[in-house]
Amino acid sequence: MIVDDHAVLRMGLSLILETTPDFEAAGFAENGRVGLAQVEALQPDLVLCDIRMPEMDGIEMIRQLHQTHPNLPVVVLTTFDDPEPIQQAMRLGARGYLLKDADKETIVNTLKQALVGTVSLSPELMTKAFAQPESAISLTPREHEILQQVAQGARNIDVAQKLHLSERTIKAHLTSIYNRLGVESRAEAVAAALKLGLID
């Protein structure tokens, strides 16, 4: 079953399936809400769905199918190649993830793999799927400057003198840094900042 809000794409995918031995398009839906109803009505062997759709997107559809039809293979087909939806779909049990510009052979092979229980990911998306999300944590220029000094072993009083600030101000900045990084000590702050690439 094909779930996508673009009629032209539904027709194109249908043509690919109809001209592939052992495959046929059992039904169509323009969004996840209709797709869920169609799954109940048609009992397809596999669902090929888009991510970005009106009313109910592909991720929510997969989430609900994971609850109601845990053994139904789902392959995601989309123009979006950012890591978050890839990771979400995989966490929810999707068997494959394809970009819409994938060729017929790649699409068919991915569907075949999904039907036998193998997770398949097109090569260009492999690094996207397992990419580490960029840190949402940031430091102010002053906090960065202070933490850089601390990482080099400077004491609060040393940092205060170098930056022409009071030691109390340095402590206040360090408290803010600890809160941002979710740590409780200078050593933990330095380790976390290095791991996140916030300091050199």
N, C-alpha and C. Protein backbone atom coordinates (compact mmCIF):
# COMPACT_ATOMS: atom_id res chain seq x y z
N MET A 1 0.83 -1.18 0.00
CA MET A 1 0.00 0.00 0.00
C MET A 1 0.88 1.25 0.00
N ILE A 2 0.49 2.25 -0.77
CA ILE A 2 1.28 3.47 -0.93
C ILE A 2 0.58 4.62 -0.22
N VAL A 3 1.30 5.29 0.67
CA VAL A 3 0.74 6.43 1.40
C VAL A 3 1.59 7.65 1.11
N ASP A 4 1.05 8.59 0.36
CA ASP A 4 1.79 9.80 -0.01
C ASP A 4 0.78 10.86 -0.44
N ASP A 5 1.05 12.11 -0.11
CA ASP A 5 0.09 13.17 -0.42
C ASP A 5 0.20 13.69 -1.84
N HIS A 6 1.14 13.19 -2.63
CA HIS A 6 1.29 13.63 -4.01
C HIS A 6 0.77 12.56 -4.97
N ALA A 7 -0.30 12.89 -5.70
CA ALA A 7 -0.93 11.93 -6.60
C ALA A 7 0.03 11.42 -7.68
N VAL A 8 0.86 12.33 -8.19
CA VAL A 8 1.80 11.94 -9.25
C VAL A 8 2.78 10.88 -8.75
N LEU A 9 3.25 11.06 -7.53
CA LEU A 9 4.18 10.08 -6.96
C LEU A 9 3.48 8.75 -6.72
N ARG A 10 2.25 8.79 -6.24
CA ARG A 10 1.48 7.55 -6.04
C ARG A 10 1.34 6.79 -7.35
N MET A 11 1.07 7.53 -8.42
CA MET A 11 0.92 6.89 -9.73
C MET A 11 2.24 6.29 -10.20
N GLY A 12 3.33 7.05 -10.00
CA GLY A 12 4.63 6.57 -10.42
C GLY A 12 5.05 5.31 -9.67
N LEU A 13 4.83 5.30 -8.36
CA LEU A 13 5.18 4.12 -7.56
C LEU A 13 4.30 2.94 -7.94
N SER A 14 3.03 3.23 -8.21
CA SER A 14 2.11 2.17 -8.63
C SER A 14 2.59 1.52 -9.92
N LEU A 15 3.06 2.34 -10.85
CA LEU A 15 3.56 1.82 -12.12
C LEU A 15 4.78 0.92 -11.90
N ILE A 16 5.67 1.36 -10.99
CA ILE A 16 6.85 0.55 -10.68
C ILE A 16 6.43 -0.80 -10.13
N LEU A 17 5.46 -0.80 -9.21
CA LEU A 17 5.03 -2.06 -8.60
C LEU A 17 4.30 -2.96 -9.60
N GLU A 18 3.45 -2.35 -10.41
CA GLU A 18 2.67 -3.14 -11.37
C GLU A 18 3.56 -3.78 -12.43
N THR A 19 4.73 -3.20 -12.67
CA THR A 19 5.64 -3.76 -13.68
C THR A 19 6.75 -4.59 -13.04
N THR A 20 6.57 -4.92 -11.75
CA THR A 20 7.54 -5.76 -11.03
C THR A 20 6.86 -7.07 -10.65
N PRO A 21 7.44 -8.21 -11.04
CA PRO A 21 6.84 -9.50 -10.70
C PRO A 21 6.61 -9.64 -9.19
N ASP A 22 5.49 -10.23 -8.83
CA ASP A 22 5.12 -10.52 -7.44
C ASP A 22 4.72 -9.29 -6.63
N PHE A 23 4.62 -8.13 -7.27
CA PHE A 23 4.19 -6.92 -6.56
C PHE A 23 2.95 -6.34 -7.21
N GLU A 24 2.11 -5.73 -6.41
CA GLU A 24 1.01 -4.93 -6.93
C GLU A 24 0.61 -3.90 -5.89
N ALA A 25 0.08 -2.78 -6.36
CA ALA A 25 -0.37 -1.73 -5.45
C ALA A 25 -1.76 -2.11 -4.95
N ALA A 26 -1.85 -2.44 -3.66
CA ALA A 26 -3.12 -2.89 -3.09
C ALA A 26 -4.05 -1.72 -2.81
N GLY A 27 -3.47 -0.54 -2.58
CA GLY A 27 -4.30 0.62 -2.28
C GLY A 27 -3.46 1.86 -2.09
N PHE A 28 -4.16 2.98 -1.94
CA PHE A 28 -3.48 4.27 -1.83
C PHE A 28 -4.11 5.10 -0.71
N ALA A 29 -3.31 6.02 -0.17
CA ALA A 29 -3.82 6.96 0.83
C ALA A 29 -3.01 8.24 0.72
N GLU A 30 -3.68 9.38 1.00
CA GLU A 30 -3.00 10.68 0.86
C GLU A 30 -2.42 11.20 2.15
N ASN A 31 -2.69 10.52 3.26
CA ASN A 31 -2.08 10.91 4.54
C ASN A 31 -2.16 9.73 5.50
N GLY A 32 -1.52 9.89 6.67
CA GLY A 32 -1.46 8.80 7.62
C GLY A 32 -2.80 8.38 8.17
N ARG A 33 -3.71 9.34 8.36
CA ARG A 33 -5.03 9.02 8.91
C ARG A 33 -5.79 8.08 7.98
N VAL A 34 -5.81 8.45 6.69
CA VAL A 34 -6.47 7.59 5.70
C VAL A 34 -5.71 6.26 5.57
N GLY A 35 -4.38 6.37 5.67
CA GLY A 35 -3.55 5.18 5.56
C GLY A 35 -3.88 4.13 6.61
N LEU A 36 -4.08 4.57 7.85
CA LEU A 36 -4.41 3.63 8.93
C LEU A 36 -5.73 2.91 8.63
N ALA A 37 -6.70 3.66 8.13
CA ALA A 37 -7.99 3.06 7.79
C ALA A 37 -7.84 2.07 6.65
N GLN A 38 -7.02 2.42 5.68
CA GLN A 38 -6.81 1.54 4.53
C GLN A 38 -6.08 0.25 4.93
N VAL A 39 -5.18 0.36 5.87
CA VAL A 39 -4.49 -0.84 6.36
C VAL A 39 -5.50 -1.82 6.94
N GLU A 40 -6.45 -1.31 7.72
CA GLU A 40 -7.47 -2.17 8.31
C GLU A 40 -8.35 -2.79 7.23
N ALA A 41 -8.67 -2.00 6.21
CA ALA A 41 -9.58 -2.47 5.17
C ALA A 41 -8.91 -3.43 4.20
N LEU A 42 -7.67 -3.16 3.87
CA LEU A 42 -7.00 -3.91 2.79
C LEU A 42 -6.01 -4.97 3.28
N GLN A 43 -5.56 -4.84 4.52
CA GLN A 43 -4.58 -5.79 5.07
C GLN A 43 -3.40 -6.01 4.12
N PRO A 44 -2.68 -4.95 3.76
CA PRO A 44 -1.56 -5.10 2.83
C PRO A 44 -0.39 -5.87 3.46
N ASP A 45 0.49 -6.37 2.60
CA ASP A 45 1.67 -7.09 3.07
C ASP A 45 2.80 -6.15 3.44
N LEU A 46 2.73 -4.91 2.92
CA LEU A 46 3.80 -3.94 3.15
C LEU A 46 3.24 -2.54 2.92
N VAL A 47 3.74 -1.57 3.68
CA VAL A 47 3.33 -0.18 3.50
C VAL A 47 4.54 0.66 3.10
N LEU A 48 4.37 1.44 2.05
CA LEU A 48 5.40 2.37 1.59
C LEU A 48 4.85 3.76 1.84
N CYS A 49 5.48 4.53 2.75
CA CYS A 49 4.85 5.80 3.11
C CYS A 49 5.83 6.97 3.14
N ASP A 50 5.26 8.15 2.92
CA ASP A 50 5.99 9.40 2.99
C ASP A 50 6.10 9.82 4.45
N ILE A 51 6.98 10.79 4.73
CA ILE A 51 7.12 11.32 6.09
C ILE A 51 6.26 12.57 6.26
N ARG A 52 6.45 13.56 5.41
CA ARG A 52 5.74 14.83 5.54
C ARG A 52 4.41 14.76 4.79
N MET A 53 3.30 14.70 5.57
CA MET A 53 1.97 14.67 4.98
C MET A 53 1.02 15.48 5.86
N PRO A 54 -0.05 16.02 5.27
CA PRO A 54 -1.03 16.78 6.07
C PRO A 54 -1.87 15.85 6.94
N GLU A 55 -2.49 16.42 7.97
CA GLU A 55 -3.40 15.73 8.89
C GLU A 55 -2.69 14.73 9.80
N MET A 56 -1.99 13.77 9.22
CA MET A 56 -1.17 12.86 10.02
C MET A 56 0.07 12.49 9.22
N ASP A 57 1.25 12.77 9.78
CA ASP A 57 2.48 12.50 9.04
C ASP A 57 2.86 11.02 9.13
N GLY A 58 3.92 10.67 8.40
CA GLY A 58 4.34 9.28 8.35
C GLY A 58 4.85 8.74 9.67
N ILE A 59 5.53 9.59 10.44
CA ILE A 59 6.07 9.13 11.72
C ILE A 59 4.94 8.72 12.66
N GLU A 60 3.88 9.53 12.74
CA GLU A 60 2.75 9.19 13.61
C GLU A 60 2.04 7.94 13.10
N MET A 61 1.94 7.80 11.80
CA MET A 61 1.31 6.61 11.23
C MET A 61 2.11 5.36 11.60
N ILE A 62 3.44 5.45 11.45
CA ILE A 62 4.29 4.31 11.79
C ILE A 62 4.18 4.00 13.28
N ARG A 63 4.11 5.05 14.10
CA ARG A 63 3.99 4.85 15.55
C ARG A 63 2.73 4.05 15.88
N GLN A 64 1.63 4.41 15.24
CA GLN A 64 0.38 3.71 15.52
C GLN A 64 0.38 2.30 14.93
N LEU A 65 0.94 2.15 13.75
CA LEU A 65 1.03 0.81 13.15
C LEU A 65 1.91 -0.10 14.00
N HIS A 66 2.94 0.48 14.60
CA HIS A 66 3.84 -0.30 15.46
C HIS A 66 3.07 -0.90 16.63
N GLN A 67 2.02 -0.18 17.08
CA GLN A 67 1.21 -0.68 18.18
C GLN A 67 0.18 -1.70 17.71
N THR A 68 -0.47 -1.41 16.59
CA THR A 68 -1.59 -2.25 16.14
C THR A 68 -1.19 -3.37 15.20
N HIS A 69 -0.14 -3.15 14.42
CA HIS A 69 0.33 -4.17 13.46
C HIS A 69 1.86 -4.26 13.52
N PRO A 70 2.38 -4.74 14.63
CA PRO A 70 3.84 -4.74 14.84
C PRO A 70 4.64 -5.53 13.81
N ASN A 71 3.98 -6.46 13.12
CA ASN A 71 4.70 -7.29 12.14
C ASN A 71 4.54 -6.79 10.70
N LEU A 72 3.82 -5.69 10.53
CA LEU A 72 3.62 -5.15 9.18
C LEU A 72 4.84 -4.35 8.75
N PRO A 73 5.54 -4.77 7.69
CA PRO A 73 6.74 -4.02 7.27
C PRO A 73 6.36 -2.65 6.72
N VAL A 74 7.14 -1.64 7.12
CA VAL A 74 6.94 -0.28 6.62
C VAL A 74 8.26 0.23 6.05
N VAL A 75 8.20 0.76 4.85
CA VAL A 75 9.36 1.39 4.23
C VAL A 75 9.03 2.86 4.02
N VAL A 76 9.94 3.73 4.43
CA VAL A 76 9.74 5.17 4.33
C VAL A 76 10.37 5.69 3.05
N LEU A 77 9.60 6.48 2.32
CA LEU A 77 10.06 7.08 1.07
C LEU A 77 9.84 8.58 1.17
N THR A 78 10.90 9.37 1.05
CA THR A 78 10.75 10.81 1.26
C THR A 78 11.82 11.61 0.52
N THR A 79 11.56 12.91 0.40
CA THR A 79 12.57 13.80 -0.17
C THR A 79 13.49 14.32 0.92
N PHE A 80 13.12 14.12 2.17
CA PHE A 80 13.89 14.67 3.28
C PHE A 80 14.98 13.70 3.71
N ASP A 81 16.20 14.22 3.88
CA ASP A 81 17.30 13.34 4.25
C ASP A 81 17.99 13.79 5.54
N ASP A 82 17.26 14.59 6.38
CA ASP A 82 17.86 14.96 7.66
C ASP A 82 17.75 13.78 8.62
N PRO A 83 18.69 13.68 9.57
CA PRO A 83 18.77 12.47 10.38
C PRO A 83 17.61 12.21 11.32
N GLU A 84 16.95 13.26 11.83
CA GLU A 84 15.94 13.02 12.87
C GLU A 84 14.80 12.11 12.42
N PRO A 85 14.12 12.39 11.27
CA PRO A 85 13.05 11.48 10.87
C PRO A 85 13.55 10.09 10.52
N ILE A 86 14.78 9.98 10.00
CA ILE A 86 15.34 8.66 9.72
C ILE A 86 15.44 7.87 11.02
N GLN A 87 16.02 8.51 12.02
CA GLN A 87 16.20 7.85 13.31
C GLN A 87 14.86 7.52 13.95
N GLN A 88 13.90 8.43 13.86
CA GLN A 88 12.58 8.19 14.43
C GLN A 88 11.92 6.98 13.77
N ALA A 89 11.97 6.96 12.44
CA ALA A 89 11.34 5.85 11.71
C ALA A 89 11.99 4.52 12.06
N MET A 90 13.32 4.52 12.16
CA MET A 90 14.01 3.27 12.49
C MET A 90 13.70 2.82 13.92
N ARG A 91 13.63 3.77 14.84
CA ARG A 91 13.30 3.42 16.22
C ARG A 91 11.91 2.80 16.32
N LEU A 92 11.02 3.24 15.44
CA LEU A 92 9.65 2.73 15.46
C LEU A 92 9.49 1.45 14.66
N GLY A 93 10.58 0.95 14.11
CA GLY A 93 10.52 -0.35 13.45
C GLY A 93 10.43 -0.33 11.94
N ALA A 94 10.64 0.84 11.29
CA ALA A 94 10.62 0.87 9.83
C ALA A 94 11.70 -0.05 9.27
N ARG A 95 11.38 -0.72 8.18
CA ARG A 95 12.31 -1.69 7.59
C ARG A 95 13.21 -1.08 6.51
N GLY A 96 12.95 0.16 6.17
CA GLY A 96 13.77 0.76 5.13
C GLY A 96 13.47 2.23 4.99
N TYR A 97 14.41 2.95 4.36
CA TYR A 97 14.26 4.40 4.21
C TYR A 97 14.88 4.77 2.87
N LEU A 98 14.04 5.31 1.99
CA LEU A 98 14.49 5.65 0.64
C LEU A 98 14.20 7.10 0.32
N LEU A 99 15.09 7.71 -0.46
CA LEU A 99 14.80 9.02 -1.00
C LEU A 99 13.94 8.85 -2.25
N LYS A 100 13.11 9.86 -2.54
CA LYS A 100 12.18 9.73 -3.65
C LYS A 100 12.85 9.71 -5.02
N ASP A 101 14.12 10.09 -5.06
CA ASP A 101 14.82 10.03 -6.34
C ASP A 101 15.55 8.70 -6.52
N ALA A 102 15.27 7.73 -5.64
CA ALA A 102 15.89 6.41 -5.78
C ALA A 102 15.40 5.76 -7.07
N ASP A 103 16.26 4.96 -7.70
CA ASP A 103 15.85 4.30 -8.94
C ASP A 103 14.98 3.08 -8.64
N LYS A 104 14.38 2.54 -9.69
CA LYS A 104 13.44 1.42 -9.54
C LYS A 104 14.10 0.23 -8.87
N GLU A 105 15.30 -0.10 -9.27
CA GLU A 105 15.99 -1.26 -8.71
C GLU A 105 16.19 -1.12 -7.20
N THR A 106 16.60 0.08 -6.77
CA THR A 106 16.82 0.32 -5.34
C THR A 106 15.52 0.21 -4.57
N ILE A 107 14.45 0.78 -5.11
CA ILE A 107 13.14 0.72 -4.45
C ILE A 107 12.67 -0.72 -4.32
N VAL A 108 12.73 -1.46 -5.41
CA VAL A 108 12.25 -2.85 -5.40
C VAL A 108 13.08 -3.71 -4.46
N ASN A 109 14.40 -3.55 -4.49
CA ASN A 109 15.26 -4.34 -3.61
C ASN A 109 14.97 -4.05 -2.14
N THR A 110 14.74 -2.77 -1.83
CA THR A 110 14.43 -2.39 -0.45
C THR A 110 13.11 -3.01 0.01
N LEU A 111 12.11 -3.02 -0.88
CA LEU A 111 10.82 -3.62 -0.53
C LEU A 111 10.96 -5.13 -0.33
N LYS A 112 11.74 -5.76 -1.17
CA LYS A 112 11.95 -7.21 -1.03
C LYS A 112 12.64 -7.54 0.29
N GLN A 113 13.64 -6.73 0.63
CA GLN A 113 14.35 -6.94 1.90
C GLN A 113 13.41 -6.75 3.08
N ALA A 114 12.54 -5.75 2.99
CA ALA A 114 11.60 -5.49 4.08
C ALA A 114 10.65 -6.65 4.28
N LEU A 115 10.22 -7.27 3.20
CA LEU A 115 9.26 -8.38 3.28
C LEU A 115 9.86 -9.61 3.96
N VAL A 116 11.17 -9.76 3.88
CA VAL A 116 11.81 -10.93 4.52
C VAL A 116 12.39 -10.56 5.88
N GLY A 117 12.09 -9.33 6.34
CA GLY A 117 12.49 -8.96 7.68
C GLY A 117 13.83 -8.28 7.82
N THR A 118 14.43 -7.91 6.70
CA THR A 118 15.74 -7.26 6.74
C THR A 118 15.58 -5.75 6.66
N VAL A 119 16.28 -5.05 7.53
CA VAL A 119 16.26 -3.59 7.49
C VAL A 119 17.23 -3.12 6.40
N SER A 120 16.74 -2.28 5.51
CA SER A 120 17.55 -1.82 4.39
C SER A 120 17.55 -0.30 4.35
N LEU A 121 18.74 0.24 4.13
CA LEU A 121 18.90 1.69 4.09
C LEU A 121 19.79 2.02 2.91
N SER A 122 19.33 2.93 2.06
CA SER A 122 20.15 3.28 0.90
C SER A 122 21.48 3.86 1.36
N PRO A 123 22.56 3.58 0.65
CA PRO A 123 23.91 3.98 1.09
C PRO A 123 24.04 5.46 1.41
N GLU A 124 23.40 6.32 0.60
CA GLU A 124 23.55 7.77 0.83
C GLU A 124 22.88 8.22 2.13
N LEU A 125 22.00 7.36 2.67
CA LEU A 125 21.33 7.71 3.92
C LEU A 125 21.95 7.03 5.14
N MET A 126 22.88 6.12 4.92
CA MET A 126 23.46 5.37 6.04
C MET A 126 24.11 6.30 7.05
N THR A 127 24.92 7.24 6.58
CA THR A 127 25.59 8.15 7.51
C THR A 127 24.59 9.10 8.17
N LYS A 128 23.52 9.45 7.43
CA LYS A 128 22.49 10.32 8.01
C LYS A 128 21.78 9.63 9.17
N ALA A 129 21.49 8.34 8.99
CA ALA A 129 20.72 7.62 10.00
C ALA A 129 21.45 7.53 11.32
N PHE A 130 22.77 7.41 11.23
CA PHE A 130 23.54 7.21 12.45
C PHE A 130 24.34 8.44 12.84
N ALA A 131 23.98 9.58 12.25
CA ALA A 131 24.67 10.82 12.60
C ALA A 131 24.30 11.23 14.02
N GLN A 132 25.28 11.71 14.74
CA GLN A 132 25.01 12.23 16.08
C GLN A 132 24.39 13.62 15.94
N PRO A 133 23.30 13.89 16.65
CA PRO A 133 22.70 15.23 16.56
C PRO A 133 23.65 16.30 17.06
N GLU A 134 23.63 17.44 16.38
CA GLU A 134 24.49 18.54 16.81
C GLU A 134 24.04 19.03 18.18
N SER A 135 25.02 19.44 18.96
CA SER A 135 24.70 19.88 20.31
C SER A 135 23.85 21.14 20.27
N ALA A 136 22.78 21.12 21.06
CA ALA A 136 21.92 22.30 21.16
C ALA A 136 22.42 23.23 22.26
N ILE A 137 23.47 22.78 22.97
CA ILE A 137 24.03 23.57 24.07
C ILE A 137 25.01 24.59 23.51
N SER A 138 24.93 25.80 23.99
CA SER A 138 25.88 26.82 23.57
C SER A 138 26.30 27.64 24.78
N LEU A 139 27.48 28.22 24.69
CA LEU A 139 28.00 29.09 25.75
C LEU A 139 28.09 30.51 25.23
N THR A 140 27.96 31.46 26.11
CA THR A 140 28.18 32.84 25.72
C THR A 140 29.67 33.04 25.48
N PRO A 141 30.05 34.07 24.74
CA PRO A 141 31.48 34.32 24.52
C PRO A 141 32.27 34.40 25.83
N ARG A 142 31.70 35.05 26.84
CA ARG A 142 32.39 35.16 28.13
C ARG A 142 32.52 33.80 28.80
N GLU A 143 31.46 33.01 28.78
CA GLU A 143 31.51 31.67 29.37
C GLU A 143 32.54 30.79 28.65
N HIS A 144 32.57 30.92 27.34
CA HIS A 144 33.55 30.17 26.56
C HIS A 144 34.97 30.56 26.96
N GLU A 145 35.18 31.85 27.10
CA GLU A 145 36.50 32.36 27.47
C GLU A 145 36.91 31.84 28.85
N ILE A 146 35.99 31.86 29.79
CA ILE A 146 36.30 31.40 31.15
C ILE A 146 36.56 29.90 31.17
N LEU A 147 35.71 29.13 30.49
CA LEU A 147 35.88 27.68 30.50
C LEU A 147 37.16 27.26 29.79
N GLN A 148 37.54 28.03 28.77
CA GLN A 148 38.79 27.75 28.07
C GLN A 148 39.97 27.93 29.04
N GLN A 149 39.90 28.94 29.87
CA GLN A 149 40.95 29.18 30.86
C GLN A 149 40.97 28.06 31.91
N VAL A 150 39.78 27.67 32.36
CA VAL A 150 39.68 26.59 33.36
C VAL A 150 40.26 25.30 32.79
N ALA A 151 39.99 25.04 31.50
CA ALA A 151 40.50 23.82 30.86
C ALA A 151 42.03 23.80 30.83
N GLN A 152 42.62 24.98 30.88
CA GLN A 152 44.08 25.08 30.86
C GLN A 152 44.67 25.05 32.27
N GLY A 153 43.76 24.84 33.25
CA GLY A 153 44.23 24.67 34.62
C GLY A 153 44.22 25.92 35.47
N ALA A 154 43.69 27.00 34.94
CA ALA A 154 43.68 28.25 35.71
C ALA A 154 42.67 28.19 36.85
N ARG A 155 43.04 28.77 37.99
CA ARG A 155 42.14 28.86 39.14
C ARG A 155 41.19 30.05 38.94
N ASN A 156 40.12 30.09 39.73
CA ASN A 156 39.16 31.19 39.61
C ASN A 156 39.85 32.55 39.75
N ILE A 157 40.75 32.65 40.74
CA ILE A 157 41.43 33.93 40.97
C ILE A 157 42.31 34.31 39.79
N ASP A 158 42.92 33.30 39.16
CA ASP A 158 43.77 33.56 37.98
C ASP A 158 42.92 34.08 36.82
N VAL A 159 41.77 33.43 36.62
CA VAL A 159 40.88 33.84 35.53
C VAL A 159 40.35 35.25 35.79
N ALA A 160 40.00 35.52 37.05
CA ALA A 160 39.48 36.84 37.41
C ALA A 160 40.50 37.93 37.11
N GLN A 161 41.73 37.68 37.48
CA GLN A 161 42.78 38.69 37.24
C GLN A 161 43.03 38.89 35.75
N LYS A 162 43.05 37.80 35.02
CA LYS A 162 43.34 37.89 33.58
C LYS A 162 42.24 38.64 32.83
N LEU A 163 40.98 38.40 33.25
CA LEU A 163 39.85 39.01 32.54
C LEU A 163 39.38 40.30 33.20
N HIS A 164 40.08 40.71 34.25
CA HIS A 164 39.74 41.94 34.96
C HIS A 164 38.31 41.89 35.49
N LEU A 165 37.96 40.76 36.10
CA LEU A 165 36.66 40.57 36.71
C LEU A 165 36.85 40.15 38.16
N SER A 166 35.78 40.21 38.93
CA SER A 166 35.89 39.75 40.32
C SER A 166 35.80 38.23 40.35
N GLU A 167 36.37 37.66 41.40
CA GLU A 167 36.32 36.20 41.54
C GLU A 167 34.86 35.74 41.69
N ARG A 168 34.06 36.58 42.34
CA ARG A 168 32.65 36.26 42.50
C ARG A 168 31.95 36.16 41.15
N THR A 169 32.31 37.06 40.23
CA THR A 169 31.72 37.03 38.89
C THR A 169 32.12 35.76 38.15
N ILE A 170 33.36 35.34 38.31
CA ILE A 170 33.84 34.11 37.67
C ILE A 170 33.04 32.91 38.19
N LYS A 171 32.82 32.89 39.52
CA LYS A 171 32.05 31.80 40.12
C LYS A 171 30.62 31.78 39.57
N ALA A 172 30.05 32.96 39.39
CA ALA A 172 28.69 33.05 38.86
C ALA A 172 28.63 32.51 37.43
N HIS A 173 29.63 32.86 36.63
CA HIS A 173 29.70 32.34 35.26
C HIS A 173 29.86 30.83 35.26
N LEU A 174 30.69 30.31 36.16
CA LEU A 174 30.91 28.86 36.23
C LEU A 174 29.61 28.14 36.62
N THR A 175 28.85 28.73 37.53
CA THR A 175 27.56 28.13 37.91
C THR A 175 26.64 28.05 36.71
N SER A 176 26.62 29.12 35.92
CA SER A 176 25.81 29.14 34.70
C SER A 176 26.27 28.05 33.73
N ILE A 177 27.58 27.91 33.60
CA ILE A 177 28.15 26.88 32.71
C ILE A 177 27.75 25.49 33.19
N TYR A 178 27.87 25.25 34.50
CA TYR A 178 27.48 23.94 35.05
C TYR A 178 26.02 23.64 34.72
N ASN A 179 25.16 24.63 34.87
CA ASN A 179 23.73 24.43 34.61
C ASN A 179 23.47 24.12 33.14
N ARG A 180 24.17 24.82 32.26
CA ARG A 180 24.00 24.58 30.83
C ARG A 180 24.43 23.17 30.44
N LEU A 181 25.52 22.72 31.05
CA LEU A 181 26.08 21.43 30.68
C LEU A 181 25.54 20.27 31.52
N GLY A 182 24.80 20.60 32.56
CA GLY A 182 24.26 19.55 33.42
C GLY A 182 25.32 18.83 34.22
N VAL A 183 26.31 19.59 34.71
CA VAL A 183 27.41 19.00 35.49
C VAL A 183 27.52 19.72 36.84
N GLU A 184 28.43 19.21 37.69
CA GLU A 184 28.54 19.76 39.04
C GLU A 184 29.95 20.17 39.43
N SER A 185 30.90 20.01 38.52
CA SER A 185 32.28 20.35 38.89
C SER A 185 33.03 20.90 37.68
N ARG A 186 34.18 21.51 37.99
CA ARG A 186 35.03 22.06 36.93
C ARG A 186 35.48 20.96 35.98
N ALA A 187 35.92 19.83 36.55
CA ALA A 187 36.42 18.73 35.72
C ALA A 187 35.33 18.19 34.80
N GLU A 188 34.12 18.04 35.35
CA GLU A 188 33.00 17.54 34.53
C GLU A 188 32.64 18.55 33.44
N ALA A 189 32.71 19.83 33.78
CA ALA A 189 32.39 20.87 32.80
C ALA A 189 33.37 20.85 31.64
N VAL A 190 34.64 20.72 31.96
CA VAL A 190 35.67 20.68 30.91
C VAL A 190 35.48 19.44 30.04
N ALA A 191 35.25 18.29 30.68
CA ALA A 191 35.08 17.05 29.94
C ALA A 191 33.87 17.12 29.01
N ALA A 192 32.75 17.64 29.54
CA ALA A 192 31.54 17.75 28.73
C ALA A 192 31.72 18.72 27.57
N ALA A 193 32.38 19.86 27.84
CA ALA A 193 32.57 20.87 26.79
C ALA A 193 33.48 20.34 25.69
N LEU A 194 34.50 19.58 26.08
CA LEU A 194 35.40 19.00 25.08
C LEU A 194 34.65 17.98 24.21
N LYS A 195 33.82 17.16 24.85
CA LYS A 195 33.05 16.15 24.13
C LYS A 195 32.09 16.78 23.14
N LEU A 196 31.50 17.91 23.53
CA LEU A 196 30.53 18.59 22.68
C LEU A 196 31.19 19.53 21.68
N GLY A 197 32.50 19.66 21.76
CA GLY A 197 33.21 20.54 20.84
C GLY A 197 33.02 22.01 21.13
N LEU A 198 32.66 22.33 22.38
CA LEU A 198 32.44 23.73 22.75
C LEU A 198 33.74 24.48 23.04
N ILE A 199 34.76 23.72 23.41
CA ILE A 199 36.10 24.31 23.63
C ILE A 199 37.13 23.44 22.96
N ASP A 200 38.32 23.98 22.77
CA ASP A 200 39.41 23.23 22.13
C ASP A 200 40.20 22.47 23.18
